PDB file of N, CA and C in Angstrom:
ATOM      1  N   UNK A   1       0.741  -1.239   0.069  1.00  0.00           N
ATOM      2  CA  UNK A   1       0.021   0.004   0.124  1.00  0.00           C
ATOM      3  C   UNK A   1       1.187   1.288   0.024  1.00  0.00           C
ATOM      4  N   UNK A   2       0.469   2.276  -0.938  1.00  0.00           N
ATOM      5  CA  UNK A   2       1.664   3.341  -1.082  1.00  0.00           C
ATOM      6  C   UNK A   2       0.492   4.439  -0.066  1.00  0.00           C
ATOM      7  N   UNK A   3       1.462   5.428   0.307  1.00  0.00           N
ATOM      8  CA  UNK A   3       0.703   6.291   1.397  1.00  0.00           C
ATOM      9  C   UNK A   3       1.600   7.823   0.872  1.00  0.00           C
ATOM     10  N   UNK A   4       0.546   8.550   0.608  1.00  0.00           N
ATOM     11  CA  UNK A   4       0.791   9.918  -0.168  1.00  0.00           C
ATOM     12  C   UNK A   4       0.453  10.866   1.106  1.00  0.00           C
ATOM     13  N   UNK A   5       1.417  12.090   1.202  1.00  0.00           N
ATOM     14  CA  UNK A   5       0.939  12.847   2.249  1.00  0.00           C
ATOM     15  C   UNK A   5       1.494  14.217   1.668  1.00  0.00           C
ATOM     16  N   UNK A   6       0.411  14.936   1.581  1.00  0.00           N
ATOM     17  CA  UNK A   6       0.778  16.304   0.825  1.00  0.00           C
ATOM     18  C   UNK A   6       1.116  17.625   1.840  1.00  0.00           C
ATOM     19  N   UNK A   7       1.610  18.362   1.717  1.00  0.00           N
ATOM     20  CA  UNK A   7       2.010  19.668   2.339  1.00  0.00           C
ATOM     21  C   UNK A   7       2.359  20.730   1.623  1.00  0.00           C
ATOM     22  N   UNK A   8       2.153  22.187   2.175  1.00  0.00           N
ATOM     23  CA  UNK A   8       2.561  23.194   1.491  1.00  0.00           C
ATOM     24  C   UNK A   8       1.433  24.031   1.370  1.00  0.00           C
ATOM     25  N   UNK A   9      -0.003  23.826   1.536  1.00  0.00           N
ATOM     26  CA  UNK A   9      -0.934  24.592   1.150  1.00  0.00           C
ATOM     27  C   UNK A   9      -1.303  25.866   1.961  1.00  0.00           C
ATOM     28  N   UNK A  10      -2.031  26.710   1.733  1.00  0.00           N
ATOM     29  CA  UNK A  10      -2.244  27.969   2.552  1.00  0.00           C
ATOM     30  C   UNK A  10      -3.118  29.024   1.827  1.00  0.00           C
ATOM     31  N   UNK A  11      -2.747  30.123   2.427  1.00  0.00           N
ATOM     32  CA  UNK A  11      -3.618  31.254   1.983  1.00  0.00           C
ATOM     33  C   UNK A  11      -2.682  32.360   1.272  1.00  0.00           C
ATOM     34  N   UNK A  12      -2.779  32.616   0.032  1.00  0.00           N
ATOM     35  CA  UNK A  12      -1.930  33.670  -0.765  1.00  0.00           C
ATOM     36  C   UNK A  12      -2.498  34.469  -1.548  1.00  0.00           C
ATOM     37  N   UNK A  13      -1.988  35.864  -1.875  1.00  0.00           N
ATOM     38  CA  UNK A  13      -2.874  36.633  -2.253  1.00  0.00           C
ATOM     39  C   UNK A  13      -2.672  36.494  -4.050  1.00  0.00           C
ATOM     40  N   UNK A  14      -3.455  36.929  -4.696  1.00  0.00           N
ATOM     41  CA  UNK A  14      -3.246  36.747  -6.270  1.00  0.00           C
ATOM     42  C   UNK A  14      -2.064  37.205  -6.543  1.00  0.00           C
ATOM     43  N   UNK A  15      -1.479  36.725  -7.471  1.00  0.00           N
ATOM     44  CA  UNK A  15      -0.232  37.369  -7.991  1.00  0.00           C
ATOM     45  C   UNK A  15       0.997  36.530  -7.287  1.00  0.00           C
ATOM     46  N   UNK A  16       0.556  35.861  -6.079  1.00  0.00           N
ATOM     47  CA  UNK A  16       1.710  35.156  -5.378  1.00  0.00           C
ATOM     48  C   UNK A  16       2.024  33.975  -5.396  1.00  0.00           C
ATOM     49  N   UNK A  17       3.157  33.287  -4.718  1.00  0.00           N
ATOM     50  CA  UNK A  17       3.535  31.970  -5.076  1.00  0.00           C
ATOM     51  C   UNK A  17       3.277  31.127  -3.744  1.00  0.00           C
ATOM     52  N   UNK A  18       3.347  29.727  -4.049  1.00  0.00           N
ATOM     53  CA  UNK A  18       2.977  28.377  -2.900  1.00  0.00           C
ATOM     54  C   UNK A  18       3.970  27.510  -3.983  1.00  0.00           C
ATOM     55  N   UNK A  19       4.343  26.855  -2.386  1.00  0.00           N
ATOM     56  CA  UNK A  19       5.200  25.459  -3.103  1.00  0.00           C
ATOM     57  C   UNK A  19       4.380  24.143  -2.566  1.00  0.00           C
ATOM     58  N   UNK A  20       3.959  23.164  -3.202  1.00  0.00           N
ATOM     59  CA  UNK A  20       3.202  22.176  -2.738  1.00  0.00           C
ATOM     60  C   UNK A  20       4.217  20.743  -2.660  1.00  0.00           C
ATOM     61  N   UNK A  21       4.080  20.163  -1.820  1.00  0.00           N
ATOM     62  CA  UNK A  21       5.347  18.586  -1.859  1.00  0.00           C
ATOM     63  C   UNK A  21       4.402  17.757  -1.289  1.00  0.00           C
ATOM     64  N   UNK A  22       4.896  16.524  -1.732  1.00  0.00           N
ATOM     65  CA  UNK A  22       3.995  15.286  -1.766  1.00  0.00           C
ATOM     66  C   UNK A  22       5.076  14.157  -1.535  1.00  0.00           C
ATOM     67  N   UNK A  23       5.180  13.333  -0.232  1.00  0.00           N
ATOM     68  CA  UNK A  23       5.938  12.281  -0.257  1.00  0.00           C
ATOM     69  C   UNK A  23       5.463  10.951  -0.270  1.00  0.00           C
ATOM     70  N   UNK A  24       5.743  10.435  -1.238  1.00  0.00           N
ATOM     71  CA  UNK A  24       5.119   8.627  -1.376  1.00  0.00           C
ATOM     72  C   UNK A  24       6.165   7.700  -0.185  1.00  0.00           C
ATOM     73  N   UNK A  25       5.526   6.864   0.254  1.00  0.00           N
ATOM     74  CA  UNK A  25       6.036   5.810   1.034  1.00  0.00           C
ATOM     75  C   UNK A  25       5.167   4.674   0.850  1.00  0.00           C
ATOM     76  N   UNK A  26       6.015   3.345   1.454  1.00  0.00           N
ATOM     77  CA  UNK A  26       5.273   2.230   1.071  1.00  0.00           C
ATOM     78  C   UNK A  26       5.423   1.061   0.023  1.00  0.00           C
ATOM     79  N   UNK A  27       5.850   1.767  -1.122  1.00  0.00           N
ATOM     80  CA  UNK A  27       5.867   1.457  -2.334  1.00  0.00           C
ATOM     81  C   UNK A  27       7.184   0.305  -2.403  1.00  0.00           C
ATOM     82  N   UNK A  28       6.594  -0.862  -2.848  1.00  0.00           N
ATOM     83  CA  UNK A  28       7.949  -2.156  -3.199  1.00  0.00           C
ATOM     84  C   UNK A  28       8.277  -1.958  -4.632  1.00  0.00           C
ATOM     85  N   UNK A  29       7.440  -1.289  -5.316  1.00  0.00           N
ATOM     86  CA  UNK A  29       7.721  -1.122  -7.064  1.00  0.00           C
ATOM     87  C   UNK A  29       7.984   0.406  -7.467  1.00  0.00           C
ATOM     88  N   UNK A  30       8.766   0.570  -8.646  1.00  0.00           N
ATOM     89  CA  UNK A  30       9.049   1.695  -9.086  1.00  0.00           C
ATOM     90  C   UNK A  30       7.788   2.572  -9.287  1.00  0.00           C
ATOM     91  N   UNK A  31       7.831   4.074  -8.760  1.00  0.00           N
ATOM     92  CA  UNK A  31       6.402   4.969  -8.937  1.00  0.00           C
ATOM     93  C   UNK A  31       6.536   5.238 -10.571  1.00  0.00           C
ATOM     94  N   UNK A  32       5.578   5.313 -11.377  1.00  0.00           N
ATOM     95  CA  UNK A  32       5.708   5.660 -12.505  1.00  0.00           C
ATOM     96  C   UNK A  32       5.436   7.061 -12.755  1.00  0.00           C
ATOM     97  N   UNK A  33       4.089   7.299 -12.730  1.00  0.00           N
ATOM     98  CA  UNK A  33       3.722   9.053 -13.040  1.00  0.00           C
ATOM     99  C   UNK A  33       3.468   9.115 -11.255  1.00  0.00           C
ATOM    100  N   UNK A  34       4.119  10.655 -11.229  1.00  0.00           N
ATOM    101  CA  UNK A  34       3.287  11.336  -9.835  1.00  0.00           C
ATOM    102  C   UNK A  34       2.912  12.589 -10.505  1.00  0.00           C
ATOM    103  N   UNK A  35       1.848  13.442  -9.757  1.00  0.00           N
ATOM    104  CA  UNK A  35       1.350  14.515 -10.258  1.00  0.00           C
ATOM    105  C   UNK A  35       0.129  15.061  -9.171  1.00  0.00           C
ATOM    106  N   UNK A  36      -0.560  15.955  -9.909  1.00  0.00           N
ATOM    107  CA  UNK A  36      -1.513  16.742  -9.117  1.00  0.00           C
ATOM    108  C   UNK A  36      -2.545  17.134  -9.753  1.00  0.00           C
ATOM    109  N   UNK A  37      -3.710  16.655  -9.148  1.00  0.00           N
ATOM    110  CA  UNK A  37      -5.168  17.071  -9.487  1.00  0.00           C
ATOM    111  C   UNK A  37      -5.565  18.025  -8.400  1.00  0.00           C
ATOM    112  N   UNK A  38      -6.490  18.813  -8.929  1.00  0.00           N
ATOM    113  CA  UNK A  38      -7.255  19.988  -7.659  1.00  0.00           C
ATOM    114  C   UNK A  38      -8.622  19.491  -8.165  1.00  0.00           C
ATOM    115  N   UNK A  39      -9.564  20.055  -6.876  1.00  0.00           N
ATOM    116  CA  UNK A  39     -11.189  20.226  -6.882  1.00  0.00           C
ATOM    117  C   UNK A  39     -11.184  21.510  -6.284  1.00  0.00           C
ATOM    118  N   UNK A  40     -12.152  22.364  -6.771  1.00  0.00           N
ATOM    119  CA  UNK A  40     -12.641  23.574  -6.731  1.00  0.00           C
ATOM    120  C   UNK A  40     -14.083  23.453  -5.962  1.00  0.00           C
ATOM    121  N   UNK A  41     -14.280  24.086  -5.049  1.00  0.00           N
ATOM    122  CA  UNK A  41     -15.829  24.086  -4.610  1.00  0.00           C
ATOM    123  C   UNK A  41     -16.804  24.146  -5.722  1.00  0.00           C
ATOM    124  N   UNK A  42     -17.739  23.067  -5.754  1.00  0.00           N
ATOM    125  CA  UNK A  42     -18.740  22.719  -6.779  1.00  0.00           C
ATOM    126  C   UNK A  42     -18.261  22.381  -8.267  1.00  0.00           C
ATOM    127  N   UNK A  43     -17.021  22.320  -8.211  1.00  0.00           N
ATOM    128  CA  UNK A  43     -16.698  21.791  -9.417  1.00  0.00           C
ATOM    129  C   UNK A  43     -15.930  20.366  -9.568  1.00  0.00           C
ATOM    130  N   UNK A  44     -15.874  19.771 -10.726  1.00  0.00           N
ATOM    131  CA  UNK A  44     -15.101  18.330 -10.878  1.00  0.00           C
ATOM    132  C   UNK A  44     -13.897  18.301 -10.569  1.00  0.00           C
ATOM    133  N   UNK A  45     -13.054  17.172 -10.392  1.00  0.00           N
ATOM    134  CA  UNK A  45     -11.605  17.244 -10.230  1.00  0.00           C
ATOM    135  C   UNK A  45     -10.840  17.580 -11.550  1.00  0.00           C
ATOM    136  N   UNK A  46      -9.840  18.340 -11.450  1.00  0.00           N
ATOM    137  CA  UNK A  46      -9.251  18.669 -12.607  1.00  0.00           C
ATOM    138  C   UNK A  46      -7.724  18.121 -12.775  1.00  0.00           C
ATOM    139  N   UNK A  47      -7.185  17.877 -13.581  1.00  0.00           N
ATOM    140  CA  UNK A  47      -5.864  17.250 -13.872  1.00  0.00           C
ATOM    141  C   UNK A  47      -5.000  18.532 -13.682  1.00  0.00           C
ATOM    142  N   UNK A  48      -3.873  18.829 -13.213  1.00  0.00           N
ATOM    143  CA  UNK A  48      -3.033  19.863 -13.157  1.00  0.00           C
ATOM    144  C   UNK A  48      -1.612  19.417 -13.934  1.00  0.00           C
ATOM    145  N   UNK A  49      -0.952  18.437 -13.324  1.00  0.00           N
ATOM    146  CA  UNK A  49       0.185  18.324 -13.819  1.00  0.00           C
ATOM    147  C   UNK A  49       0.736  17.033 -13.452  1.00  0.00           C
ATOM    148  N   UNK A  50       1.588  16.535 -14.280  1.00  0.00           N
ATOM    149  CA  UNK A  50       2.150  14.953 -14.149  1.00  0.00           C
ATOM    150  C   UNK A  50       3.396  14.859 -14.594  1.00  0.00           C
ATOM    151  N   UNK A  51       4.625  14.114 -14.059  1.00  0.00           N
ATOM    152  CA  UNK A  51       5.841  14.038 -14.199  1.00  0.00           C
ATOM    153  C   UNK A  51       6.057  12.239 -14.207  1.00  0.00           C
ATOM    154  N   UNK A  52       6.853  11.956 -15.108  1.00  0.00           N
ATOM    155  CA  UNK A  52       7.302  10.499 -15.164  1.00  0.00           C
ATOM    156  C   UNK A  52       8.499  10.161 -14.419  1.00  0.00           C
ATOM    157  N   UNK A  53       9.183   8.933 -14.089  1.00  0.00           N
ATOM    158  CA  UNK A  53      10.312   8.734 -13.458  1.00  0.00           C
ATOM    159  C   UNK A  53      11.255   9.290 -13.914  1.00  0.00           C
ATOM    160  N   UNK A  54      11.358   9.413 -15.676  1.00  0.00           N
ATOM    161  CA  UNK A  54      12.491  10.220 -16.260  1.00  0.00           C
ATOM    162  C   UNK A  54      12.299  11.360 -16.306  1.00  0.00           C
ATOM    163  N   UNK A  55      11.177  12.233 -15.825  1.00  0.00           N
ATOM    164  CA  UNK A  55      11.025  13.639 -15.462  1.00  0.00           C
ATOM    165  C   UNK A  55      10.555  14.351 -16.843  1.00  0.00           C
ATOM    166  N   UNK A  56      10.034  13.743 -17.609  1.00  0.00           N
ATOM    167  CA  UNK A  56       9.055  14.259 -18.422  1.00  0.00           C
ATOM    168  C   UNK A  56       8.013  14.842 -17.962  1.00  0.00           C
ATOM    169  N   UNK A  57       7.454  15.880 -18.207  1.00  0.00           N
ATOM    170  CA  UNK A  57       6.284  16.612 -17.794  1.00  0.00           C
ATOM    171  C   UNK A  57       5.353  16.966 -18.405  1.00  0.00           C
ATOM    172  N   UNK A  58       4.186  17.535 -17.839  1.00  0.00           N
ATOM    173  CA  UNK A  58       2.959  17.624 -18.915  1.00  0.00           C
ATOM    174  C   UNK A  58       1.944  18.359 -17.699  1.00  0.00           C
ATOM    175  N   UNK A  59       1.493  19.407 -18.660  1.00  0.00           N
ATOM    176  CA  UNK A  59       0.758  20.494 -17.941  1.00  0.00           C
ATOM    177  C   UNK A  59      -0.771  20.575 -18.376  1.00  0.00           C
ATOM    178  N   UNK A  60      -1.728  20.988 -17.516  1.00  0.00           N
ATOM    179  CA  UNK A  60      -2.956  21.666 -18.145  1.00  0.00           C
ATOM    180  C   UNK A  60      -2.560  22.820 -18.490  1.00  0.00           C
ATOM    181  N   UNK A  61      -3.511  23.342 -19.440  1.00  0.00           N
ATOM    182  CA  UNK A  61      -3.415  24.563 -20.062  1.00  0.00           C
ATOM    183  C   UNK A  61      -3.473  25.707 -19.092  1.00  0.00           C
ATOM    184  N   UNK A  62      -4.421  25.654 -18.000  1.00  0.00           N
ATOM    185  CA  UNK A  62      -4.888  26.402 -17.293  1.00  0.00           C
ATOM    186  C   UNK A  62      -3.810  26.838 -16.419  1.00  0.00           C
ATOM    187  N   UNK A  63      -2.791  26.086 -16.385  1.00  0.00           N
ATOM    188  CA  UNK A  63      -1.666  26.265 -15.332  1.00  0.00           C
ATOM    189  C   UNK A  63      -0.210  26.451 -16.080  1.00  0.00           C
ATOM    190  N   UNK A  64      -0.137  26.015 -17.646  1.00  0.00           N
ATOM    191  CA  UNK A  64       1.093  26.150 -18.151  1.00  0.00           C
ATOM    192  C   UNK A  64       2.041  27.541 -18.149  1.00  0.00           C
ATOM    193  N   UNK A  65       3.005  27.365 -17.875  1.00  0.00           N
ATOM    194  CA  UNK A  65       3.780  28.495 -18.037  1.00  0.00           C
ATOM    195  C   UNK A  65       3.581  29.251 -16.314  1.00  0.00           C
ATOM    196  N   UNK A  66       2.875  28.993 -15.490  1.00  0.00           N
ATOM    197  CA  UNK A  66       2.904  29.256 -13.967  1.00  0.00           C
ATOM    198  C   UNK A  66       3.349  28.195 -13.091  1.00  0.00           C
ATOM    199  N   UNK A  67       2.998  27.254 -13.687  1.00  0.00           N
ATOM    200  CA  UNK A  67       3.288  25.903 -12.531  1.00  0.00           C
ATOM    201  C   UNK A  67       4.352  25.265 -12.790  1.00  0.00           C
ATOM    202  N   UNK A  68       5.232  24.665 -12.134  1.00  0.00           N
ATOM    203  CA  UNK A  68       6.482  23.736 -12.462  1.00  0.00           C
ATOM    204  C   UNK A  68       6.075  22.704 -11.574  1.00  0.00           C
ATOM    205  N   UNK A  69       6.238  21.399 -12.257  1.00  0.00           N
ATOM    206  CA  UNK A  69       6.525  20.038 -11.193  1.00  0.00           C
ATOM    207  C   UNK A  69       7.957  19.541 -11.403  1.00  0.00           C
ATOM    208  N   UNK A  70       8.098  18.905 -10.163  1.00  0.00           N
ATOM    209  CA  UNK A  70       9.660  18.438  -9.910  1.00  0.00           C
ATOM    210  C   UNK A  70       9.543  17.150  -9.389  1.00  0.00           C
ATOM    211  N   UNK A  71      10.350  16.441  -9.354  1.00  0.00           N
ATOM    212  CA  UNK A  71      10.203  15.019  -8.879  1.00  0.00           C
ATOM    213  C   UNK A  71      11.812  14.757  -8.311  1.00  0.00           C
ATOM    214  N   UNK A  72      12.043  13.882  -7.222  1.00  0.00           N
ATOM    215  CA  UNK A  72      13.008  13.436  -6.520  1.00  0.00           C
ATOM    216  C   UNK A  72      12.644  11.777  -6.525  1.00  0.00           C
ATOM    217  N   UNK A  73      13.311  11.154  -7.059  1.00  0.00           N
ATOM    218  CA  UNK A  73      12.987  10.060  -7.395  1.00  0.00           C
ATOM    219  C   UNK A  73      13.718   9.112  -6.150  1.00  0.00           C
ATOM    220  N   UNK A  74      14.866   9.340  -5.862  1.00  0.00           N
ATOM    221  CA  UNK A  74      15.262   8.920  -4.699  1.00  0.00           C
ATOM    222  C   UNK A  74      14.631   8.817  -3.267  1.00  0.00           C
ATOM    223  N   UNK A  75      14.062  10.058  -3.124  1.00  0.00           N
ATOM    224  CA  UNK A  75      13.159  10.115  -1.862  1.00  0.00           C
ATOM    225  C   UNK A  75      11.547   9.929  -2.115  1.00  0.00           C
ATOM    226  N   UNK A  76      11.329   9.461  -3.517  1.00  0.00           N
ATOM    227  CA  UNK A  76       9.782   9.387  -3.813  1.00  0.00           C
ATOM    228  C   UNK A  76       9.008  10.784  -3.564  1.00  0.00           C
ATOM    229  N   UNK A  77       9.487  11.987  -4.068  1.00  0.00           N
ATOM    230  CA  UNK A  77       8.905  13.019  -3.701  1.00  0.00           C
ATOM    231  C   UNK A  77       8.712  13.852  -4.977  1.00  0.00           C
ATOM    232  N   UNK A  78       7.312  14.533  -5.179  1.00  0.00           N
ATOM    233  CA  UNK A  78       6.711  15.692  -5.729  1.00  0.00           C
ATOM    234  C   UNK A  78       6.578  16.779  -5.623  1.00  0.00           C
ATOM    235  N   UNK A  79       6.888  17.622  -5.969  1.00  0.00           N
ATOM    236  CA  UNK A  79       6.528  19.133  -5.625  1.00  0.00           C
ATOM    237  C   UNK A  79       5.702  19.769  -6.841  1.00  0.00           C
ATOM    238  N   UNK A  80       5.078  20.881  -6.497  1.00  0.00           N
ATOM    239  CA  UNK A  80       4.372  21.835  -7.251  1.00  0.00           C
ATOM    240  C   UNK A  80       4.686  23.102  -6.972  1.00  0.00           C
ATOM    241  N   UNK A  81       5.564  23.773  -8.089  1.00  0.00           N
ATOM    242  CA  UNK A  81       6.022  25.292  -7.708  1.00  0.00           C
ATOM    243  C   UNK A  81       4.689  26.244  -8.450  1.00  0.00           C
ATOM    244  N   UNK A  82       3.948  26.923  -7.507  1.00  0.00           N
ATOM    245  CA  UNK A  82       2.879  27.679  -8.557  1.00  0.00           C
ATOM    246  C   UNK A  82       3.160  29.364  -8.295  1.00  0.00           C
ATOM    247  N   UNK A  83       3.215  29.608  -9.267  1.00  0.00           N
ATOM    248  CA  UNK A  83       3.511  31.261  -9.337  1.00  0.00           C
ATOM    249  C   UNK A  83       2.508  31.890  -9.908  1.00  0.00           C
ATOM    250  N   UNK A  84       2.427  33.531  -9.900  1.00  0.00           N
ATOM    251  CA  UNK A  84       1.314  34.206 -10.859  1.00  0.00           C
ATOM    252  C   UNK A  84      -0.205  33.633 -10.345  1.00  0.00           C
ATOM    253  N   UNK A  85      -0.360  33.265  -9.079  1.00  0.00           N
ATOM    254  CA  UNK A  85      -1.280  32.547  -8.651  1.00  0.00           C
ATOM    255  C   UNK A  85      -2.615  33.535  -8.834  1.00  0.00           C
ATOM    256  N   UNK A  86      -3.766  32.911  -9.466  1.00  0.00           N
ATOM    257  CA  UNK A  86      -5.072  33.748  -9.487  1.00  0.00           C
ATOM    258  C   UNK A  86      -5.967  32.980  -8.485  1.00  0.00           C
ATOM    259  N   UNK A  87      -7.153  33.570  -8.287  1.00  0.00           N
ATOM    260  CA  UNK A  87      -8.437  33.151  -7.486  1.00  0.00           C
ATOM    261  C   UNK A  87      -8.926  31.782  -7.945  1.00  0.00           C
ATOM    262  N   UNK A  88      -8.776  31.961  -9.525  1.00  0.00           N
ATOM    263  CA  UNK A  88      -9.619  30.463  -9.993  1.00  0.00           C
ATOM    264  C   UNK A  88      -8.496  29.344  -9.602  1.00  0.00           C
ATOM    265  N   UNK A  89      -7.634  29.450  -8.971  1.00  0.00           N
ATOM    266  CA  UNK A  89      -6.556  28.444  -8.543  1.00  0.00           C
ATOM    267  C   UNK A  89      -6.681  27.713  -7.418  1.00  0.00           C
ATOM    268  N   UNK A  90      -7.687  28.519  -6.388  1.00  0.00           N
ATOM    269  CA  UNK A  90      -8.268  27.890  -5.262  1.00  0.00           C
ATOM    270  C   UNK A  90      -9.108  26.690  -5.499  1.00  0.00           C
ATOM    271  N   UNK A  91      -8.428  25.664  -4.350  1.00  0.00           N
ATOM    272  CA  UNK A  91      -8.885  24.527  -4.818  1.00  0.00           C
ATOM    273  C   UNK A  91      -8.083  23.434  -3.480  1.00  0.00           C
ATOM    274  N   UNK A  92      -8.560  22.361  -3.423  1.00  0.00           N
ATOM    275  CA  UNK A  92      -7.837  21.308  -2.916  1.00  0.00           C
ATOM    276  C   UNK A  92      -7.240  20.377  -3.648  1.00  0.00           C
ATOM    277  N   UNK A  93      -5.956  20.641  -3.481  1.00  0.00           N
ATOM    278  CA  UNK A  93      -5.004  19.900  -4.319  1.00  0.00           C
ATOM    279  C   UNK A  93      -4.556  18.456  -3.811  1.00  0.00           C
ATOM    280  N   UNK A  94      -4.562  17.709  -4.742  1.00  0.00           N
ATOM    281  CA  UNK A  94      -4.369  16.228  -4.565  1.00  0.00           C
ATOM    282  C   UNK A  94      -3.025  15.771  -5.389  1.00  0.00           C
ATOM    283  N   UNK A  95      -2.236  15.000  -4.651  1.00  0.00           N
ATOM    284  CA  UNK A  95      -0.998  14.449  -5.101  1.00  0.00           C
ATOM    285  C   UNK A  95      -1.590  13.055  -5.439  1.00  0.00           C
ATOM    286  N   UNK A  96      -1.021  12.317  -6.617  1.00  0.00           N
ATOM    287  CA  UNK A  96      -1.316  10.924  -7.153  1.00  0.00           C
ATOM    288  C   UNK A  96      -0.160  10.370  -7.538  1.00  0.00           C
ATOM    289  N   UNK A  97       0.408   8.947  -7.443  1.00  0.00           N
ATOM    290  CA  UNK A  97       1.210   8.623  -7.814  1.00  0.00           C
ATOM    291  C   UNK A  97       0.615   6.830  -8.534  1.00  0.00           C
ATOM    292  N   UNK A  98       1.288   6.515  -9.673  1.00  0.00           N
ATOM    293  CA  UNK A  98       0.653   5.431 -10.373  1.00  0.00           C
ATOM    294  C   UNK A  98       1.999   4.185 -10.166  1.00  0.00           C
ATOM    295  N   UNK A  99       1.678   3.207  -9.619  1.00  0.00           N
ATOM    296  CA  UNK A  99       2.520   1.887  -9.356  1.00  0.00           C
ATOM    297  C   UNK A  99       1.836   0.622 -10.147  1.00  0.00           C
ATOM    298  N   UNK A 100       2.566   0.296 -11.062  1.00  0.00           N
ATOM    299  CA  UNK A 100       1.904  -0.674 -11.915  1.00  0.00           C
ATOM    300  C   UNK A 100       0.703  -0.103 -12.510  1.00  0.00           C
ATOM    301  N   UNK A 101      -0.471  -0.931 -12.386  1.00  0.00           N
ATOM    302  CA  UNK A 101      -1.619  -0.371 -13.022  1.00  0.00           C
ATOM    303  C   UNK A 101      -2.559   0.147 -12.029  1.00  0.00           C
ATOM    304  N   UNK A 102      -1.905   0.580 -10.702  1.00  0.00           N
ATOM    305  CA  UNK A 102      -2.627   1.081  -9.468  1.00  0.00           C
ATOM    306  C   UNK A 102      -2.260   2.335  -9.425  1.00  0.00           C
ATOM    307  N   UNK A 103      -3.409   3.335  -8.754  1.00  0.00           N
ATOM    308  CA  UNK A 103      -3.246   4.614  -8.735  1.00  0.00           C
ATOM    309  C   UNK A 103      -3.409   5.353  -7.297  1.00  0.00           C
ATOM    310  N   UNK A 104      -2.655   5.967  -6.737  1.00  0.00           N
ATOM    311  CA  UNK A 104      -2.813   6.103  -5.209  1.00  0.00           C
ATOM    312  C   UNK A 104      -2.964   7.761  -4.991  1.00  0.00           C
ATOM    313  N   UNK A 105      -3.634   8.033  -3.874  1.00  0.00           N
ATOM    314  CA  UNK A 105      -3.961   9.657  -3.653  1.00  0.00           C
ATOM    315  C   UNK A 105      -3.954   9.848  -2.192  1.00  0.00           C
ATOM    316  N   UNK A 106      -3.550  11.410  -2.221  1.00  0.00           N
ATOM    317  CA  UNK A 106      -3.027  11.867  -1.095  1.00  0.00           C
ATOM    318  C   UNK A 106      -4.481  12.177  -0.433  1.00  0.00           C
ATOM    319  N   UNK A 107      -4.624  13.046   0.875  1.00  0.00           N
ATOM    320  CA  UNK A 107      -5.728  13.386   1.307  1.00  0.00           C
ATOM    321  C   UNK A 107      -5.846  14.723   0.622  1.00  0.00           C
ATOM    322  N   UNK A 108      -5.110  15.389   0.092  1.00  0.00           N
ATOM    323  CA  UNK A 108      -5.139  16.739  -0.383  1.00  0.00           C
ATOM    324  C   UNK A 108      -5.069  17.751   0.694  1.00  0.00           C
ATOM    325  N   UNK A 109      -4.315  18.920  -0.013  1.00  0.00           N
ATOM    326  CA  UNK A 109      -4.188  20.291   0.948  1.00  0.00           C
ATOM    327  C   UNK A 109      -4.676  21.310   0.120  1.00  0.00           C
ATOM    328  N   UNK A 110      -5.533  22.198   1.202  1.00  0.00           N
ATOM    329  CA  UNK A 110      -6.200  23.606   0.347  1.00  0.00           C
ATOM    330  C   UNK A 110      -5.104  24.772   0.128  1.00  0.00           C
ATOM    331  N   UNK A 111      -5.562  25.160  -1.170  1.00  0.00           N
ATOM    332  CA  UNK A 111      -4.896  26.291  -1.301  1.00  0.00           C
ATOM    333  C   UNK A 111      -5.844  27.503  -1.703  1.00  0.00           C
ATOM    334  N   UNK A 112      -5.846  28.541  -1.006  1.00  0.00           N
ATOM    335  CA  UNK A 112      -6.970  29.412  -1.381  1.00  0.00           C
ATOM    336  C   UNK A 112      -6.067  30.798  -1.879  1.00  0.00           C
ATOM    337  N   UNK A 113      -6.639  31.441  -2.835  1.00  0.00           N
ATOM    338  CA  UNK A 113      -5.814  32.658  -3.397  1.00  0.00           C
ATOM    339  C   UNK A 113      -6.939  33.257  -3.347  1.00  0.00           C
ATOM    340  N   UNK A 114      -6.558  34.798  -2.345  1.00  0.00           N
ATOM    341  CA  UNK A 114      -7.856  35.422  -2.139  1.00  0.00           C
ATOM    342  C   UNK A 114      -6.751  36.780  -1.578  1.00  0.00           C
ATOM    343  N   UNK A 115      -7.357  38.028  -1.673  1.00  0.00           N
ATOM    344  CA  UNK A 115      -6.785  39.366  -1.189  1.00  0.00           C
ATOM    345  C   UNK A 115      -7.571  39.918   0.043  1.00  0.00           C
TER     346      UNK A 115
END
């Protein structure tokens, strides 16, 4: 069983920056993809970004150029550096990891962008 624990959420003003981190533990096999989803109140969960074990990255159009995903394979951690934050970025952010054909999720961390 893989456990994922997110950290780094909080309140930030529009235009500000925030860094989310996620640590994975318990995996006996290589973690393939790691990434982030988010869910805003009253909206469906939205994929944000992903990174492979080889550090190839992909981003949703809504965050491209503002968010940067990175990964430390040795420590099984993934981070999301968020810049130029907008109120529309307000959501609970969930870390995920895929191992073989299974997908694991963290509990989520709240990000609120407000003045």
